[in-house]
Structure formats: C-alpha cells, structure tokens
Protein backbone atom coordinates (compact mmCIF):
# COMPACT_ATOMS: atom_id res chain seq x y z
CA MET A 1 106.50 232.80 38.99
CA THR A 2 108.28 230.16 36.94
CA GLU A 3 107.41 227.53 39.58
CA PRO A 4 103.79 226.42 39.51
CA ALA A 5 101.81 228.25 42.16
CA ASP A 6 99.96 225.03 42.92
CA HIS A 7 103.12 223.17 44.02
CA PRO A 8 102.33 221.64 47.44
CA PHE A 9 105.24 223.40 49.14
CA VAL A 10 104.23 226.79 47.75
CA GLN A 11 100.65 226.18 48.86
CA ALA A 12 101.89 225.19 52.32
CA VAL A 13 103.86 228.40 52.91
CA LYS A 14 101.43 230.80 51.20
CA PRO A 15 99.13 231.32 54.26
CA LEU A 16 102.13 232.20 56.42
CA VAL A 17 103.54 234.60 53.83
CA ASP A 18 100.10 236.21 53.40
CA ALA A 19 99.67 236.56 57.17
CA MET A 20 102.91 238.48 57.50
CA GLY A 21 102.23 240.65 54.46
CA GLY A 22 104.98 239.13 52.33
CA ARG A 23 104.94 238.25 48.65
CA LEU A 24 105.87 235.07 46.83
CA VAL A 25 108.19 235.51 43.86
CA ALA A 26 110.00 233.11 41.58
CA PRO A 27 113.39 232.05 42.96
CA ASP A 28 115.16 233.45 39.88
CA GLN A 29 113.60 236.86 40.61
CA ALA A 30 114.81 236.97 44.22
CA GLU A 31 116.48 240.20 45.31
CA GLY A 32 118.93 240.95 48.11
CA ASP A 33 116.65 240.64 51.14
CA ASP A 34 114.33 237.97 49.73
CA VAL A 35 114.37 234.56 51.40
CA VAL A 36 114.67 231.68 48.94
CA LEU A 37 112.95 228.52 50.18
CA THR A 38 114.28 225.15 49.07
CA TRP A 39 112.31 221.91 49.02
CA GLU A 40 113.80 218.54 48.12
CA GLY A 41 117.01 220.16 46.93
CA GLN A 42 115.37 222.67 44.59
CA ASP A 43 114.67 226.36 45.05
CA ARG A 44 110.87 226.43 44.95
CA VAL A 45 109.88 229.98 45.86
CA ALA A 46 111.29 233.20 47.24
CA VAL A 47 109.59 235.26 49.92
CA ARG A 48 109.77 239.03 49.66
CA LEU A 49 109.36 240.33 53.19
CA PRO A 50 107.44 243.56 53.75
CA HIS A 51 108.97 246.70 55.20
CA LEU A 52 108.13 247.15 58.87
CA SER A 53 105.73 250.01 58.21
CA GLU A 54 103.89 247.87 55.65
CA SER A 55 103.74 245.06 58.20
CA LEU A 56 102.00 247.29 60.72
CA ASP A 57 99.42 248.33 58.14
CA HIS A 58 98.90 244.67 57.24
CA ILE A 59 98.46 243.68 60.90
CA LEU A 60 95.91 246.47 61.42
CA VAL A 61 93.91 245.33 58.38
CA GLU A 62 93.99 241.74 59.64
CA LEU A 63 92.82 242.78 63.11
CA GLN A 64 89.99 244.78 61.57
CA ARG A 65 88.99 241.75 59.48
CA ARG A 66 89.15 239.53 62.57
CA HIS A 67 86.87 241.85 64.55
CA GLY A 68 84.49 242.40 61.63
CA LYS A 69 84.40 246.17 61.87
CA PRO A 70 86.68 249.21 61.90
CA LEU A 71 89.00 249.22 64.90
CA ALA A 72 87.75 252.69 65.85
CA GLU A 73 84.30 251.16 66.49
CA LEU A 74 85.57 248.65 69.07
CA ASP A 75 84.82 249.10 72.76
CA ARG A 76 87.57 250.23 75.14
CA LYS A 77 88.35 246.75 76.48
CA THR A 78 88.74 245.35 72.97
CA LYS A 79 90.93 248.28 71.94
CA GLN A 80 93.16 247.53 74.92
CA SER A 81 93.36 243.93 73.75
CA VAL A 82 94.31 245.10 70.25
CA VAL A 83 97.10 247.24 71.74
CA ARG A 84 98.40 244.21 73.68
CA ILE A 85 98.46 242.15 70.48
CA LEU A 86 100.21 244.94 68.58
CA GLU A 87 102.78 245.38 71.34
CA SER A 88 103.55 241.66 71.33
CA ARG A 89 104.08 241.84 67.56
CA GLY A 90 106.48 244.78 67.82
CA ALA A 91 104.17 247.43 66.38
CA PHE A 92 105.50 250.15 68.63
CA SER A 93 109.10 249.67 67.56
CA VAL A 94 108.14 250.98 64.13
CA ARG A 95 108.63 254.69 63.58
CA HIS A 96 105.28 256.45 64.11
CA GLY A 97 103.79 253.17 65.35
CA VAL A 98 101.90 254.78 68.20
CA GLU A 99 100.47 257.46 65.91
CA THR A 100 99.45 254.89 63.30
CA VAL A 101 97.74 252.69 65.90
CA ALA A 102 96.04 255.67 67.56
CA THR A 103 94.60 256.75 64.22
CA ALA A 104 93.38 253.23 63.45
CA LEU A 105 91.74 252.94 66.89
CA GLY A 106 90.24 256.42 66.76
CA VAL A 107 91.97 257.46 69.98
CA SER A 108 94.75 259.83 70.92
CA ARG A 109 98.41 258.90 71.24
CA PHE A 110 98.03 259.62 74.94
CA THR A 111 95.32 256.93 75.17
CA VAL A 112 97.54 254.36 73.44
CA TYR A 113 100.37 255.18 75.87
CA ASN A 114 97.91 254.78 78.77
CA TYR A 115 96.90 251.34 77.48
CA LEU A 116 100.58 250.37 77.18
CA ASN A 117 101.44 251.72 80.63
CA ARG A 118 98.49 249.92 82.21
CA GLU A 119 99.52 246.65 80.56
CA ASN A 120 103.17 247.03 81.57
CA ALA A 121 102.22 247.89 85.16
CA ALA A 122 100.05 244.76 85.34
CA ARG A 123 103.06 242.64 84.31
CA GLU A 124 105.44 244.02 86.94
CA PRO A 125 106.28 241.68 89.84
CA GLY A 126 104.10 242.38 92.84
CA ALA A 127 101.48 244.22 90.81
CA GLN A 128 98.88 241.57 91.60
CA ALA A 129 99.65 241.63 95.32
CA ALA A 130 99.45 245.42 95.34
CA GLY A 131 96.07 245.30 93.59
CA GLU A 132 94.55 242.89 96.17
C-alpha cells in the first residue's frame, strides 16, 4: 500500500476487515467493488471484500479458532450453537452452504437441516407455551 500501514485509521479498521475476511489495499489500487475509506478528507485505504463463499470459509476457520479444536470434534450442543451463529451470519444463503457447514461439523446435511428446523421451531410464536 502507498499509505503507511501504521496510520491510526488503517490500524483501527484492520481488525474489522480481518474479521470479515477482507483485504486492505492502497486507495489507488481499488477496483470496482472495493470500498475506499476516507479519513480527514483523504482516501486512506480501500477494503477488498471477500466473495460470499470465501466469507463462509473464513467464518468457519474463525469459529474453529474460537473453540480451540476442529468443529467436527465439538459436542452436539456446541455444534447446534455453531449452526445458530452461522445462520445469523447468512451462511446458508451461500450456494452449497449447508454442505460446506456439514462437512466442517462432520455431520450430514440432514443433521444440519434438523438443527436449523429445531432452532426455527423454537422461535415460532407459541412454541414455548406448547413445550410447557
């Protein structure tokens, strides 16, 4: 990048860009879909957003890091929690999202759909009253 990587603004946005799997590039190297960020009237950095499929892979790696072991080694309750997180982040709107998640969790697609259905049923109005 032509802008110093240690500029305070660049350092401030870097964790967010890393968390979403994006890349920082120099503003003069920005391409069509890149987002140029301006600070104090000057273009400081451009953010190259990942493709959705890359985002899912990045999220899975981050979840594995957070849990400290491969997702396939997690217990059932934790896997269900991972599926809830992934659903809230839009993982299943990505083509082959269910298959990708099932592989990462070491379960079948059917199991992922069961986790999703169970979660959605729990959110429906009256589900708590019916379960009492």
